[in-house]
Amino acid sequence: MAKLFIGGLPFSTTDDELAEAFSQFGNVKSAKVITDRETGKSRGFGFVEYESDEEAKAAIEGQDNKELGGRTIHVSEARERQ
């Protein structure tokens, strides 16, 4: 399983829209836009999980520095919190 960090998301992006934008690169296991605990509003980033590293690499190459909903997004491998 490969997890990607997606930064610079438009604040209106939903989990479903995120999954749809990344589904062209492979089978999206999960897509989650991170929201603020207090307000429930998007924090402008999220995570997408794929079954394989190949799909994740294709998504990084295909989506990094591309536009989604009028904003340039940044896609990289997710790193565990320290």
PDB file of N, CA and C in Angstrom:
ATOM      1  N   MET A   1       0.852  -1.185   0.000  1.00  0.00           N
ATOM      2  CA  MET A   1       0.000   0.000   0.000  1.00  0.00           C
ATOM      3  C   MET A   1       0.893   1.243   0.000  1.00  0.00           C
ATOM      4  N   ALA A   2       0.521   2.225  -0.811  1.00  0.00           N
ATOM      5  CA  ALA A   2       1.298   3.451  -0.929  1.00  0.00           C
ATOM      6  C   ALA A   2       0.405   4.647  -0.614  1.00  0.00           C
ATOM      7  N   LYS A   3       0.886   5.515   0.262  1.00  0.00           N
ATOM      8  CA  LYS A   3       0.104   6.669   0.691  1.00  0.00           C
ATOM      9  C   LYS A   3       0.762   7.947   0.190  1.00  0.00           C
ATOM     10  N   LEU A   4      -0.055   8.831  -0.398  1.00  0.00           N
ATOM     11  CA  LEU A   4       0.439  10.100  -0.921  1.00  0.00           C
ATOM     12  C   LEU A   4      -0.115  11.269  -0.126  1.00  0.00           C
ATOM     13  N   PHE A   5       0.710  12.300   0.020  1.00  0.00           N
ATOM     14  CA  PHE A   5       0.303  13.567   0.621  1.00  0.00           C
ATOM     15  C   PHE A   5      -0.043  14.514  -0.516  1.00  0.00           C
ATOM     16  N   ILE A   6      -1.216  15.152  -0.437  1.00  0.00           N
ATOM     17  CA  ILE A   6      -1.660  16.097  -1.452  1.00  0.00           C
ATOM     18  C   ILE A   6      -1.808  17.459  -0.772  1.00  0.00           C
ATOM     19  N   GLY A   7      -0.969  18.418  -1.152  1.00  0.00           N
ATOM     20  CA  GLY A   7      -1.010  19.745  -0.545  1.00  0.00           C
ATOM     21  C   GLY A   7      -1.525  20.785  -1.523  1.00  0.00           C
ATOM     22  N   GLY A   8      -2.015  21.901  -0.997  1.00  0.00           N
ATOM     23  CA  GLY A   8      -2.486  23.008  -1.817  1.00  0.00           C
ATOM     24  C   GLY A   8      -3.876  22.804  -2.377  1.00  0.00           C
ATOM     25  N   LEU A   9      -4.661  21.931  -1.756  1.00  0.00           N
ATOM     26  CA  LEU A   9      -6.010  21.664  -2.254  1.00  0.00           C
ATOM     27  C   LEU A   9      -6.918  22.879  -2.086  1.00  0.00           C
ATOM     28  N   PRO A  10      -7.842  23.096  -3.040  1.00  0.00           N
ATOM     29  CA  PRO A  10      -8.865  24.119  -2.836  1.00  0.00           C
ATOM     30  C   PRO A  10      -9.668  23.738  -1.587  1.00  0.00           C
ATOM     31  N   PHE A  11     -10.085  24.717  -0.814  1.00  0.00           N
ATOM     32  CA  PHE A  11     -10.787  24.425   0.442  1.00  0.00           C
ATOM     33  C   PHE A  11     -12.159  23.798   0.224  1.00  0.00           C
ATOM     34  N   SER A  12     -12.656  23.847  -1.026  1.00  0.00           N
ATOM     35  CA  SER A  12     -13.967  23.267  -1.332  1.00  0.00           C
ATOM     36  C   SER A  12     -13.885  21.793  -1.728  1.00  0.00           C
ATOM     37  N   THR A  13     -12.671  21.248  -1.882  1.00  0.00           N
ATOM     38  CA  THR A  13     -12.501  19.857  -2.335  1.00  0.00           C
ATOM     39  C   THR A  13     -13.087  18.868  -1.329  1.00  0.00           C
ATOM     40  N   THR A  14     -13.837  17.891  -1.855  1.00  0.00           N
ATOM     41  CA  THR A  14     -14.402  16.836  -1.006  1.00  0.00           C
ATOM     42  C   THR A  14     -13.572  15.559  -1.164  1.00  0.00           C
ATOM     43  N   ASP A  15     -13.800  14.602  -0.266  1.00  0.00           N
ATOM     44  CA  ASP A  15     -13.118  13.298  -0.356  1.00  0.00           C
ATOM     45  C   ASP A  15     -13.392  12.654  -1.714  1.00  0.00           C
ATOM     46  N   ASP A  16     -14.655  12.708  -2.163  1.00  0.00           N
ATOM     47  CA  ASP A  16     -15.033  12.085  -3.431  1.00  0.00           C
ATOM     48  C   ASP A  16     -14.339  12.752  -4.618  1.00  0.00           C
ATOM     49  N   GLU A  17     -14.254  14.075  -4.601  1.00  0.00           N
ATOM     50  CA  GLU A  17     -13.575  14.798  -5.682  1.00  0.00           C
ATOM     51  C   GLU A  17     -12.088  14.460  -5.713  1.00  0.00           C
ATOM     52  N   LEU A  18     -11.490  14.316  -4.544  1.00  0.00           N
ATOM     53  CA  LEU A  18     -10.078  13.949  -4.453  1.00  0.00           C
ATOM     54  C   LEU A  18      -9.868  12.547  -5.030  1.00  0.00           C
ATOM     55  N   ALA A  19     -10.722  11.615  -4.648  1.00  0.00           N
ATOM     56  CA  ALA A  19     -10.633  10.241  -5.168  1.00  0.00           C
ATOM     57  C   ALA A  19     -10.800  10.228  -6.680  1.00  0.00           C
ATOM     58  N   GLU A  20     -11.756  10.993  -7.185  1.00  0.00           N
ATOM     59  CA  GLU A  20     -12.020  11.036  -8.621  1.00  0.00           C
ATOM     60  C   GLU A  20     -10.819  11.598  -9.385  1.00  0.00           C
ATOM     61  N   ALA A  21     -10.195  12.642  -8.858  1.00  0.00           N
ATOM     62  CA  ALA A  21      -9.052  13.272  -9.519  1.00  0.00           C
ATOM     63  C   ALA A  21      -7.856  12.323  -9.611  1.00  0.00           C
ATOM     64  N   PHE A  22      -7.746  11.402  -8.667  1.00  0.00           N
ATOM     65  CA  PHE A  22      -6.597  10.498  -8.634  1.00  0.00           C
ATOM     66  C   PHE A  22      -6.907   9.093  -9.151  1.00  0.00           C
ATOM     67  N   SER A  23      -8.165   8.798  -9.444  1.00  0.00           N
ATOM     68  CA  SER A  23      -8.545   7.453  -9.873  1.00  0.00           C
ATOM     69  C   SER A  23      -8.002   7.095 -11.252  1.00  0.00           C
ATOM     70  N   GLN A  24      -7.658   8.098 -12.060  1.00  0.00           N
ATOM     71  CA  GLN A  24      -7.122   7.811 -13.399  1.00  0.00           C
ATOM     72  C   GLN A  24      -5.745   7.145 -13.354  1.00  0.00           C
ATOM     73  N   PHE A  25      -5.098   7.150 -12.183  1.00  0.00           N
ATOM     74  CA  PHE A  25      -3.754   6.578 -12.056  1.00  0.00           C
ATOM     75  C   PHE A  25      -3.748   5.186 -11.437  1.00  0.00           C
ATOM     76  N   GLY A  26      -4.912   4.729 -11.003  1.00  0.00           N
ATOM     77  CA  GLY A  26      -4.984   3.397 -10.420  1.00  0.00           C
ATOM     78  C   GLY A  26      -6.165   3.275  -9.476  1.00  0.00           C
ATOM     79  N   ASN A  27      -6.202   2.163  -8.754  1.00  0.00           N
ATOM     80  CA  ASN A  27      -7.287   1.877  -7.825  1.00  0.00           C
ATOM     81  C   ASN A  27      -7.064   2.615  -6.504  1.00  0.00           C
ATOM     82  N   VAL A  28      -7.853   3.675  -6.277  1.00  0.00           N
ATOM     83  CA  VAL A  28      -7.736   4.456  -5.044  1.00  0.00           C
ATOM     84  C   VAL A  28      -8.401   3.692  -3.906  1.00  0.00           C
ATOM     85  N   LYS A  29      -7.591   3.298  -2.912  1.00  0.00           N
ATOM     86  CA  LYS A  29      -8.121   2.580  -1.741  1.00  0.00           C
ATOM     87  C   LYS A  29      -8.862   3.540  -0.818  1.00  0.00           C
ATOM     88  N   SER A  30      -8.290   4.756  -0.649  1.00  0.00           N
ATOM     89  CA  SER A  30      -8.946   5.762   0.181  1.00  0.00           C
ATOM     90  C   SER A  30      -8.462   7.143  -0.228  1.00  0.00           C
ATOM     91  N   ALA A  31      -9.326   8.131  -0.006  1.00  0.00           N
ATOM     92  CA  ALA A  31      -8.981   9.528  -0.262  1.00  0.00           C
ATOM     93  C   ALA A  31      -9.622  10.348   0.841  1.00  0.00           C
ATOM     94  N   LYS A  32      -8.814  11.131   1.537  1.00  0.00           N
ATOM     95  CA  LYS A  32      -9.320  11.870   2.692  1.00  0.00           C
ATOM     96  C   LYS A  32      -8.785  13.291   2.694  1.00  0.00           C
ATOM     97  N   VAL A  33      -9.707  14.263   2.682  1.00  0.00           N
ATOM     98  CA  VAL A  33      -9.345  15.662   2.856  1.00  0.00           C
ATOM     99  C   VAL A  33      -9.350  15.918   4.361  1.00  0.00           C
ATOM    100  N   ILE A  34      -8.257  16.486   4.869  1.00  0.00           N
ATOM    101  CA  ILE A  34      -8.143  16.723   6.313  1.00  0.00           C
ATOM    102  C   ILE A  34      -8.890  18.006   6.684  1.00  0.00           C
ATOM    103  N   THR A  35      -9.711  17.896   7.726  1.00  0.00           N
ATOM    104  CA  THR A  35     -10.514  19.041   8.160  1.00  0.00           C
ATOM    105  C   THR A  35     -10.122  19.491   9.561  1.00  0.00           C
ATOM    106  N   ASP A  36     -10.416  20.736   9.846  1.00  0.00           N
ATOM    107  CA  ASP A  36     -10.148  21.306  11.160  1.00  0.00           C
ATOM    108  C   ASP A  36     -11.134  20.715  12.166  1.00  0.00           C
ATOM    109  N   ARG A  37     -10.630  20.282  13.306  1.00  0.00           N
ATOM    110  CA  ARG A  37     -11.470  19.659  14.338  1.00  0.00           C
ATOM    111  C   ARG A  37     -12.561  20.594  14.846  1.00  0.00           C
ATOM    112  N   GLU A  38     -12.215  21.870  14.978  1.00  0.00           N
ATOM    113  CA  GLU A  38     -13.160  22.840  15.545  1.00  0.00           C
ATOM    114  C   GLU A  38     -14.236  23.263  14.540  1.00  0.00           C
ATOM    115  N   THR A  39     -13.807  23.627  13.324  1.00  0.00           N
ATOM    116  CA  THR A  39     -14.732  24.229  12.357  1.00  0.00           C
ATOM    117  C   THR A  39     -15.286  23.245  11.334  1.00  0.00           C
ATOM    118  N   GLY A  40     -14.597  22.104  11.144  1.00  0.00           N
ATOM    119  CA  GLY A  40     -15.026  21.149  10.135  1.00  0.00           C
ATOM    120  C   GLY A  40     -14.655  21.562   8.716  1.00  0.00           C
ATOM    121  N   LYS A  41     -13.957  22.693   8.579  1.00  0.00           N
ATOM    122  CA  LYS A  41     -13.544  23.173   7.263  1.00  0.00           C
ATOM    123  C   LYS A  41     -12.234  22.501   6.839  1.00  0.00           C
ATOM    124  N   SER A  42     -12.045  22.391   5.524  1.00  0.00           N
ATOM    125  CA  SER A  42     -10.828  21.791   4.973  1.00  0.00           C
ATOM    126  C   SER A  42      -9.600  22.571   5.413  1.00  0.00           C
ATOM    127  N   ARG A  43      -8.510  21.839   5.647  1.00  0.00           N
ATOM    128  CA  ARG A  43      -7.241  22.483   5.988  1.00  0.00           C
ATOM    129  C   ARG A  43      -6.351  22.642   4.763  1.00  0.00           C
ATOM    130  N   GLY A  44      -6.864  22.246   3.584  1.00  0.00           N
ATOM    131  CA  GLY A  44      -6.130  22.459   2.341  1.00  0.00           C
ATOM    132  C   GLY A  44      -5.149  21.361   1.964  1.00  0.00           C
ATOM    133  N   PHE A  45      -5.253  20.220   2.653  1.00  0.00           N
ATOM    134  CA  PHE A  45      -4.418  19.081   2.269  1.00  0.00           C
ATOM    135  C   PHE A  45      -5.153  17.783   2.550  1.00  0.00           C
ATOM    136  N   GLY A  46      -4.622  16.706   1.985  1.00  0.00           N
ATOM    137  CA  GLY A  46      -5.267  15.423   2.178  1.00  0.00           C
ATOM    138  C   GLY A  46      -4.324  14.283   1.833  1.00  0.00           C
ATOM    139  N   PHE A  47      -4.872  13.081   1.851  1.00  0.00           N
ATOM    140  CA  PHE A  47      -4.095  11.879   1.585  1.00  0.00           C
ATOM    141  C   PHE A  47      -4.864  10.968   0.640  1.00  0.00           C
ATOM    142  N   VAL A  48      -4.121  10.309  -0.243  1.00  0.00           N
ATOM    143  CA  VAL A  48      -4.698   9.319  -1.153  1.00  0.00           C
ATOM    144  C   VAL A  48      -3.874   8.048  -1.004  1.00  0.00           C
ATOM    145  N   GLU A  49      -4.561   6.905  -0.897  1.00  0.00           N
ATOM    146  CA  GLU A  49      -3.875   5.617  -0.781  1.00  0.00           C
ATOM    147  C   GLU A  49      -4.158   4.762  -2.006  1.00  0.00           C
ATOM    148  N   TYR A  50      -3.085   4.138  -2.511  1.00  0.00           N
ATOM    149  CA  TYR A  50      -3.180   3.199  -3.632  1.00  0.00           C
ATOM    150  C   TYR A  50      -2.738   1.821  -3.164  1.00  0.00           C
ATOM    151  N   GLU A  51      -3.133   0.801  -3.920  1.00  0.00           N
ATOM    152  CA  GLU A  51      -2.720  -0.563  -3.594  1.00  0.00           C
ATOM    153  C   GLU A  51      -1.262  -0.805  -3.916  1.00  0.00           C
ATOM    154  N   SER A  52      -0.740  -0.133  -4.974  1.00  0.00           N
ATOM    155  CA  SER A  52       0.637  -0.418  -5.392  1.00  0.00           C
ATOM    156  C   SER A  52       1.492   0.844  -5.470  1.00  0.00           C
ATOM    157  N   ASP A  53       2.794   0.643  -5.325  1.00  0.00           N
ATOM    158  CA  ASP A  53       3.746   1.748  -5.455  1.00  0.00           C
ATOM    159  C   ASP A  53       3.759   2.290  -6.879  1.00  0.00           C
ATOM    160  N   GLU A  54       3.529   1.420  -7.865  1.00  0.00           N
ATOM    161  CA  GLU A  54       3.525   1.849  -9.270  1.00  0.00           C
ATOM    162  C   GLU A  54       2.414   2.865  -9.511  1.00  0.00           C
ATOM    163  N   GLU A  55       1.231   2.585  -8.977  1.00  0.00           N
ATOM    164  CA  GLU A  55       0.102   3.513  -9.130  1.00  0.00           C
ATOM    165  C   GLU A  55       0.418   4.844  -8.454  1.00  0.00           C
ATOM    166  N   ALA A  56       1.015   4.772  -7.278  1.00  0.00           N
ATOM    167  CA  ALA A  56       1.356   5.992  -6.540  1.00  0.00           C
ATOM    168  C   ALA A  56       2.381   6.824  -7.298  1.00  0.00           C
ATOM    169  N   LYS A  57       3.401   6.159  -7.855  1.00  0.00           N
ATOM    170  CA  LYS A  57       4.421   6.873  -8.636  1.00  0.00           C
ATOM    171  C   LYS A  57       3.797   7.550  -9.855  1.00  0.00           C
ATOM    172  N   ALA A  58       2.882   6.850 -10.522  1.00  0.00           N
ATOM    173  CA  ALA A  58       2.195   7.418 -11.687  1.00  0.00           C
ATOM    174  C   ALA A  58       1.388   8.650 -11.286  1.00  0.00           C
ATOM    175  N   ALA A  59       0.754   8.589 -10.113  1.00  0.00           N
ATOM    176  CA  ALA A  59      -0.044   9.716  -9.628  1.00  0.00           C
ATOM    177  C   ALA A  59       0.839  10.915  -9.296  1.00  0.00           C
ATOM    178  N   ILE A  60       2.000  10.664  -8.687  1.00  0.00           N
ATOM    179  CA  ILE A  60       2.932  11.759  -8.373  1.00  0.00           C
ATOM    180  C   ILE A  60       3.362  12.438  -9.676  1.00  0.00           C
ATOM    181  N   GLU A  61       3.779  11.613 -10.651  1.00  0.00           N
ATOM    182  CA  GLU A  61       4.228  12.161 -11.935  1.00  0.00           C
ATOM    183  C   GLU A  61       3.103  12.890 -12.667  1.00  0.00           C
ATOM    184  N   GLY A  62       1.893  12.354 -12.567  1.00  0.00           N
ATOM    185  CA  GLY A  62       0.767  12.912 -13.316  1.00  0.00           C
ATOM    186  C   GLY A  62       0.096  14.111 -12.683  1.00  0.00           C
ATOM    187  N   GLN A  63       0.194  14.248 -11.355  1.00  0.00           N
ATOM    188  CA  GLN A  63      -0.564  15.300 -10.675  1.00  0.00           C
ATOM    189  C   GLN A  63       0.279  16.371  -9.982  1.00  0.00           C
ATOM    190  N   ASP A  64       1.550  16.108  -9.683  1.00  0.00           N
ATOM    191  CA  ASP A  64       2.356  17.094  -8.969  1.00  0.00           C
ATOM    192  C   ASP A  64       2.488  18.371  -9.794  1.00  0.00           C
ATOM    193  N   ASN A  65       2.253  19.514  -9.145  1.00  0.00           N
ATOM    194  CA  ASN A  65       2.306  20.844  -9.775  1.00  0.00           C
ATOM    195  C   ASN A  65       1.260  21.032 -10.869  1.00  0.00           C
ATOM    196  N   LYS A  66       0.182  20.250 -10.806  1.00  0.00           N
ATOM    197  CA  LYS A  66      -0.928  20.414 -11.745  1.00  0.00           C
ATOM    198  C   LYS A  66      -2.048  21.181 -11.047  1.00  0.00           C
ATOM    199  N   GLU A  67      -3.019  21.620 -11.840  1.00  0.00           N
ATOM    200  CA  GLU A  67      -4.120  22.395 -11.282  1.00  0.00           C
ATOM    201  C   GLU A  67      -5.299  21.496 -10.923  1.00  0.00           C
ATOM    202  N   LEU A  68      -5.880  21.765  -9.774  1.00  0.00           N
ATOM    203  CA  LEU A  68      -7.104  21.087  -9.345  1.00  0.00           C
ATOM    204  C   LEU A  68      -7.997  22.154  -8.739  1.00  0.00           C
ATOM    205  N   GLY A  69      -9.152  22.358  -9.319  1.00  0.00           N
ATOM    206  CA  GLY A  69     -10.089  23.350  -8.797  1.00  0.00           C
ATOM    207  C   GLY A  69      -9.531  24.759  -8.751  1.00  0.00           C
ATOM    208  N   GLY A  70      -8.648  25.076  -9.687  1.00  0.00           N
ATOM    209  CA  GLY A  70      -8.104  26.436  -9.756  1.00  0.00           C
ATOM    210  C   GLY A  70      -6.860  26.678  -8.927  1.00  0.00           C
ATOM    211  N   ARG A  71      -6.374  25.660  -8.225  1.00  0.00           N
ATOM    212  CA  ARG A  71      -5.154  25.809  -7.419  1.00  0.00           C
ATOM    213  C   ARG A  71      -4.118  24.771  -7.838  1.00  0.00           C
ATOM    214  N   THR A  72      -2.851  25.136  -7.735  1.00  0.00           N
ATOM    215  CA  THR A  72      -1.772  24.211  -8.053  1.00  0.00           C
ATOM    216  C   THR A  72      -1.541  23.313  -6.841  1.00  0.00           C
ATOM    217  N   ILE A  73      -1.631  21.998  -7.076  1.00  0.00           N
ATOM    218  CA  ILE A  73      -1.458  21.063  -5.968  1.00  0.00           C
ATOM    219  C   ILE A  73      -0.053  20.466  -5.999  1.00  0.00           C
ATOM    220  N   HIS A  74       0.379  19.979  -4.850  1.00  0.00           N
ATOM    221  CA  HIS A  74       1.689  19.342  -4.707  1.00  0.00           C
ATOM    222  C   HIS A  74       1.466  17.930  -4.186  1.00  0.00           C
ATOM    223  N   VAL A  75       2.077  16.969  -4.865  1.00  0.00           N
ATOM    224  CA  VAL A  75       1.872  15.556  -4.545  1.00  0.00           C
ATOM    225  C   VAL A  75       3.212  14.915  -4.219  1.00  0.00           C
ATOM    226  N   SER A  76       3.283  14.232  -3.080  1.00  0.00           N
ATOM    227  CA  SER A  76       4.509  13.538  -2.696  1.00  0.00           C
ATOM    228  C   SER A  76       4.149  12.318  -1.857  1.00  0.00           C
ATOM    229  N   GLU A  77       5.151  11.463  -1.633  1.00  0.00           N
ATOM    230  CA  GLU A  77       4.918  10.321  -0.745  1.00  0.00           C
ATOM    231  C   GLU A  77       4.670  10.849   0.658  1.00  0.00           C
ATOM    232  N   ALA A  78       3.670  10.272   1.307  1.00  0.00           N
ATOM    233  CA  ALA A  78       3.375  10.671   2.689  1.00  0.00           C
ATOM    234  C   ALA A  78       4.454  10.104   3.601  1.00  0.00           C
ATOM    235  N   ARG A  79       4.876  10.891   4.571  1.00  0.00           N
ATOM    236  CA  ARG A  79       5.864  10.428   5.551  1.00  0.00           C
ATOM    237  C   ARG A  79       5.190  10.317   6.912  1.00  0.00           C
ATOM    238  N   GLU A  80       5.604   9.342   7.663  1.00  0.00           N
ATOM    239  CA  GLU A  80       5.057   9.165   9.017  1.00  0.00           C
ATOM    240  C   GLU A  80       5.448  10.351   9.882  1.00  0.00           C
ATOM    241  N   ARG A  81       4.539  10.733  10.780  1.00  0.00           N
ATOM    242  CA  ARG A  81       4.867  11.814  11.727  1.00  0.00           C
ATOM    243  C   ARG A  81       5.974  11.371  12.650  1.00  0.00           C
ATOM    244  N   GLN A  82       6.844  12.321  12.980  1.00  0.00           N
ATOM    245  CA  GLN A  82       7.935  12.016  13.900  1.00  0.00           C
ATOM    246  C   GLN A  82       7.471  12.082  15.325  1.00  0.00           C
TER     247      GLN A  82
END
